[in-house]
């Protein structure tokens, strides 16, 4: 699966400032999808003896990304 290119910090901030539109929300999520595999792969060595499946980690990461986009407040 080919993931879309990451958004720059400036693009993220501008999209968050225009919040309220579902298309913008989806663009922010799609623009940050590469973050989840990066973080999971970064900690995979530490999870070697854990009983959590890698696919579950990816799923939880994507759910966390969506929830964080929904609750993010640019003013803070």
C-alpha atoms as a PDB file:
ATOM      1  CA  UNK A   1       0.000   0.000   0.000  1.00  0.00           C
ATOM      2  CA  UNK A   2       1.384   3.371  -1.046  1.00  0.00           C
ATOM      3  CA  UNK A   3       0.986   6.029   1.610  1.00  0.00           C
ATOM      4  CA  UNK A   4       0.542   9.699   0.637  1.00  0.00           C
ATOM      5  CA  UNK A   5       3.332  12.207   1.207  1.00  0.00           C
ATOM      6  CA  UNK A   6       3.618  13.817   4.621  1.00  0.00           C
ATOM      7  CA  UNK A   7       2.272  17.293   5.143  1.00  0.00           C
ATOM      8  CA  UNK A   8       4.701  19.959   6.257  1.00  0.00           C
ATOM      9  CA  UNK A   9       4.246  21.577   9.663  1.00  0.00           C
ATOM     10  CA  UNK A  10       3.048  24.760   7.970  1.00  0.00           C
ATOM     11  CA  UNK A  11       0.436  22.846   5.958  1.00  0.00           C
ATOM     12  CA  UNK A  12      -0.768  21.026   9.080  1.00  0.00           C
ATOM     13  CA  UNK A  13      -1.227  24.274  11.011  1.00  0.00           C
ATOM     14  CA  UNK A  14      -3.074  25.950   8.139  1.00  0.00           C
ATOM     15  CA  UNK A  15      -5.426  22.981   7.741  1.00  0.00           C
ATOM     16  CA  UNK A  16      -6.115  22.861  11.489  1.00  0.00           C
ATOM     17  CA  UNK A  17      -6.941  26.575  11.501  1.00  0.00           C
ATOM     18  CA  UNK A  18      -9.620  25.929   8.851  1.00  0.00           C
ATOM     19  CA  UNK A  19     -11.194  23.126  10.912  1.00  0.00           C
ATOM     20  CA  UNK A  20     -14.801  22.074  10.674  1.00  0.00           C
ATOM     21  CA  UNK A  21     -14.726  20.636   7.177  1.00  0.00           C
ATOM     22  CA  UNK A  22     -14.684  16.841   6.855  1.00  0.00           C
ATOM     23  CA  UNK A  23     -12.510  16.990   3.714  1.00  0.00           C
ATOM     24  CA  UNK A  24      -9.857  19.013   5.550  1.00  0.00           C
ATOM     25  CA  UNK A  25      -9.949  16.577   8.481  1.00  0.00           C
ATOM     26  CA  UNK A  26      -9.411  13.652   6.112  1.00  0.00           C
ATOM     27  CA  UNK A  27      -6.577  15.483   4.351  1.00  0.00           C
ATOM     28  CA  UNK A  28      -4.821  16.012   7.708  1.00  0.00           C
ATOM     29  CA  UNK A  29      -5.234  12.331   8.606  1.00  0.00           C
ATOM     30  CA  UNK A  30      -4.027  11.118   5.207  1.00  0.00           C
ATOM     31  CA  UNK A  31      -1.098  13.535   5.321  1.00  0.00           C
ATOM     32  CA  UNK A  32       0.094  12.070   8.621  1.00  0.00           C
ATOM     33  CA  UNK A  33      -0.465   8.355   7.948  1.00  0.00           C
ATOM     34  CA  UNK A  34       3.281   7.694   7.595  1.00  0.00           C
ATOM     35  CA  UNK A  35       3.744   8.667  11.229  1.00  0.00           C
ATOM     36  CA  UNK A  36       2.116   5.464  12.539  1.00  0.00           C
ATOM     37  CA  UNK A  37       4.396   2.911  10.793  1.00  0.00           C
ATOM     38  CA  UNK A  38       7.404   5.061  11.681  1.00  0.00           C
ATOM     39  CA  UNK A  39       6.575   4.943  15.386  1.00  0.00           C
ATOM     40  CA  UNK A  40       5.606   1.241  15.379  1.00  0.00           C
ATOM     41  CA  UNK A  41       8.807   0.268  13.554  1.00  0.00           C
ATOM     42  CA  UNK A  42      10.866   2.426  15.903  1.00  0.00           C
ATOM     43  CA  UNK A  43       9.689   0.431  18.925  1.00  0.00           C
ATOM     44  CA  UNK A  44       9.351  -3.023  17.328  1.00  0.00           C
ATOM     45  CA  UNK A  45      12.585  -4.276  18.956  1.00  0.00           C
ATOM     46  CA  UNK A  46      11.260  -3.437  22.402  1.00  0.00           C
ATOM     47  CA  UNK A  47       8.001  -5.284  21.711  1.00  0.00           C
ATOM     48  CA  UNK A  48       9.689  -8.510  20.655  1.00  0.00           C
ATOM     49  CA  UNK A  49       8.554 -10.441  23.725  1.00  0.00           C
ATOM     50  CA  UNK A  50       5.184  -8.762  24.036  1.00  0.00           C
ATOM     51  CA  UNK A  51       2.001 -10.590  23.112  1.00  0.00           C
ATOM     52  CA  UNK A  52       0.581  -7.745  20.986  1.00  0.00           C
ATOM     53  CA  UNK A  53       0.355  -8.451  17.258  1.00  0.00           C
ATOM     54  CA  UNK A  54       1.959  -5.911  14.902  1.00  0.00           C
ATOM     55  CA  UNK A  55      -1.277  -5.492  12.966  1.00  0.00           C
ATOM     56  CA  UNK A  56      -3.022  -4.579  16.205  1.00  0.00           C
ATOM     57  CA  UNK A  57      -0.357  -1.950  16.892  1.00  0.00           C
ATOM     58  CA  UNK A  58      -0.888  -0.419  13.464  1.00  0.00           C
ATOM     59  CA  UNK A  59      -4.664  -0.403  13.985  1.00  0.00           C
ATOM     60  CA  UNK A  60      -4.342   1.231  17.382  1.00  0.00           C
ATOM     61  CA  UNK A  61      -1.916   3.768  15.948  1.00  0.00           C
ATOM     62  CA  UNK A  62      -4.299   4.754  13.167  1.00  0.00           C
ATOM     63  CA  UNK A  63      -7.180   5.035  15.631  1.00  0.00           C
ATOM     64  CA  UNK A  64      -4.995   7.215  17.846  1.00  0.00           C
ATOM     65  CA  UNK A  65      -4.129   9.422  14.880  1.00  0.00           C
ATOM     66  CA  UNK A  66      -7.793   9.977  14.054  1.00  0.00           C
ATOM     67  CA  UNK A  67      -8.668  10.735  17.682  1.00  0.00           C
ATOM     68  CA  UNK A  68      -5.765  13.157  18.029  1.00  0.00           C
ATOM     69  CA  UNK A  69      -6.798  15.046  14.891  1.00  0.00           C
ATOM     70  CA  UNK A  70     -10.343  15.301  16.235  1.00  0.00           C
ATOM     71  CA  UNK A  71      -9.234  16.653  19.613  1.00  0.00           C
ATOM     72  CA  UNK A  72      -6.272  18.849  18.532  1.00  0.00           C
ATOM     73  CA  UNK A  73      -6.516  22.537  19.454  1.00  0.00           C
ATOM     74  CA  UNK A  74      -4.263  24.890  17.483  1.00  0.00           C
ATOM     75  CA  UNK A  75      -4.634  27.694  20.022  1.00  0.00           C
ATOM     76  CA  UNK A  76      -2.803  25.714  22.700  1.00  0.00           C
END
